[in-house]
Amino acid sequence: MEPLERLGQLYDAWGKPDKTAEVKMKLPAFRQAAEVSNNKSTTP
């Protein structure tokens, strides 16, 4: 599980829907950045 996903779950458990939504909106960009980073590390 990604750290940002876990953070969203924590905000949800704490009853902070605004923060949960904020984190969920950032997830796609975070995943894309992680993918780009992983691709760079495997490229010679």
N, C-alpha and C. Protein backbone atom coordinates (compact mmCIF):
# COMPACT_ATOMS: atom_id res chain seq x y z
N MET A 1 0.85 -1.18 0.00
CA MET A 1 0.00 0.00 0.00
C MET A 1 0.89 1.24 0.00
N GLU A 2 0.49 2.21 -0.78
CA GLU A 2 1.26 3.43 -0.88
C GLU A 2 1.04 4.31 0.35
N PRO A 3 2.06 5.06 0.74
CA PRO A 3 1.91 5.93 1.92
C PRO A 3 0.76 6.93 1.79
N LEU A 4 0.57 7.48 0.61
CA LEU A 4 -0.49 8.47 0.44
C LEU A 4 -1.87 7.81 0.58
N GLU A 5 -1.99 6.56 0.10
CA GLU A 5 -3.24 5.82 0.28
C GLU A 5 -3.52 5.61 1.77
N ARG A 6 -2.49 5.24 2.49
CA ARG A 6 -2.63 5.00 3.93
C ARG A 6 -3.04 6.29 4.64
N LEU A 7 -2.46 7.40 4.23
CA LEU A 7 -2.81 8.67 4.83
C LEU A 7 -4.29 8.97 4.61
N GLY A 8 -4.77 8.70 3.40
CA GLY A 8 -6.19 8.90 3.11
C GLY A 8 -7.07 8.03 4.00
N GLN A 9 -6.65 6.81 4.24
CA GLN A 9 -7.43 5.92 5.10
C GLN A 9 -7.44 6.44 6.54
N LEU A 10 -6.31 6.97 6.97
CA LEU A 10 -6.25 7.52 8.33
C LEU A 10 -7.18 8.72 8.47
N TYR A 11 -7.15 9.63 7.50
CA TYR A 11 -8.04 10.78 7.55
C TYR A 11 -9.50 10.33 7.57
N ASP A 12 -9.81 9.30 6.79
CA ASP A 12 -11.16 8.76 6.76
C ASP A 12 -11.55 8.21 8.13
N ALA A 13 -10.65 7.46 8.74
CA ALA A 13 -10.91 6.87 10.05
C ALA A 13 -11.05 7.94 11.13
N TRP A 14 -10.35 9.05 10.95
CA TRP A 14 -10.41 10.14 11.92
C TRP A 14 -11.62 11.05 11.70
N GLY A 15 -12.40 10.75 10.66
CA GLY A 15 -13.59 11.55 10.40
C GLY A 15 -13.27 12.91 9.79
N LYS A 16 -12.27 12.95 8.91
CA LYS A 16 -11.89 14.20 8.25
C LYS A 16 -12.13 14.07 6.75
N PRO A 17 -13.39 14.19 6.33
CA PRO A 17 -13.72 13.96 4.92
C PRO A 17 -13.05 14.94 3.96
N ASP A 18 -12.82 16.18 4.39
CA ASP A 18 -12.16 17.15 3.51
C ASP A 18 -10.72 16.72 3.21
N LYS A 19 -10.01 16.29 4.23
CA LYS A 19 -8.63 15.85 4.04
C LYS A 19 -8.59 14.54 3.25
N THR A 20 -9.55 13.64 3.49
CA THR A 20 -9.63 12.39 2.74
C THR A 20 -9.79 12.68 1.26
N ALA A 21 -10.69 13.58 0.92
CA ALA A 21 -10.93 13.93 -0.48
C ALA A 21 -9.69 14.58 -1.10
N GLU A 22 -9.01 15.41 -0.34
CA GLU A 22 -7.80 16.07 -0.83
C GLU A 22 -6.72 15.04 -1.18
N VAL A 23 -6.54 14.07 -0.32
CA VAL A 23 -5.54 13.03 -0.56
C VAL A 23 -5.94 12.18 -1.77
N LYS A 24 -7.21 11.83 -1.87
CA LYS A 24 -7.68 11.01 -3.00
C LYS A 24 -7.49 11.73 -4.32
N MET A 25 -7.61 13.05 -4.31
CA MET A 25 -7.40 13.82 -5.54
C MET A 25 -5.93 13.82 -5.96
N LYS A 26 -5.04 13.69 -4.99
CA LYS A 26 -3.60 13.72 -5.27
C LYS A 26 -3.05 12.35 -5.68
N LEU A 27 -3.79 11.29 -5.40
CA LEU A 27 -3.29 9.93 -5.67
C LEU A 27 -2.88 9.69 -7.13
N PRO A 28 -3.69 10.06 -8.13
CA PRO A 28 -3.28 9.79 -9.51
C PRO A 28 -1.94 10.45 -9.89
N ALA A 29 -1.75 11.69 -9.47
CA ALA A 29 -0.49 12.38 -9.77
C ALA A 29 0.68 11.72 -9.04
N PHE A 30 0.44 11.28 -7.82
CA PHE A 30 1.47 10.60 -7.04
C PHE A 30 1.87 9.29 -7.71
N ARG A 31 0.87 8.54 -8.16
CA ARG A 31 1.15 7.26 -8.84
C ARG A 31 1.91 7.49 -10.14
N GLN A 32 1.51 8.51 -10.89
CA GLN A 32 2.18 8.80 -12.15
C GLN A 32 3.64 9.20 -11.90
N ALA A 33 3.87 10.02 -10.91
CA ALA A 33 5.24 10.44 -10.59
C ALA A 33 6.08 9.24 -10.16
N ALA A 34 5.49 8.34 -9.39
CA ALA A 34 6.21 7.15 -8.95
C ALA A 34 6.55 6.25 -10.14
N GLU A 35 5.62 6.14 -11.08
CA GLU A 35 5.86 5.32 -12.26
C GLU A 35 6.99 5.91 -13.11
N VAL A 36 6.98 7.21 -13.30
CA VAL A 36 8.04 7.87 -14.07
C VAL A 36 9.38 7.66 -13.38
N SER A 37 9.38 7.80 -12.07
CA SER A 37 10.60 7.61 -11.30
C SER A 37 11.12 6.18 -11.44
N ASN A 38 10.22 5.21 -11.38
CA ASN A 38 10.62 3.81 -11.52
C ASN A 38 11.17 3.53 -12.92
N ASN A 39 10.58 4.13 -13.93
CA ASN A 39 11.05 3.93 -15.30
C ASN A 39 12.43 4.53 -15.50
N LYS A 40 12.70 5.65 -14.88
CA LYS A 40 14.02 6.27 -15.01
C LYS A 40 15.10 5.41 -14.38
N SER A 41 14.78 4.75 -13.28
CA SER A 41 15.79 3.96 -12.59
C SER A 41 16.13 2.68 -13.35
N THR A 42 15.26 2.23 -14.24
CA THR A 42 15.53 1.02 -15.00
C THR A 42 16.12 1.30 -16.38
N THR A 43 16.12 2.57 -16.79
CA THR A 43 16.66 2.95 -18.08
C THR A 43 18.16 3.17 -17.96
N PRO A 44 18.98 2.55 -18.85
CA PRO A 44 20.44 2.73 -18.73
C PRO A 44 20.89 4.13 -19.05
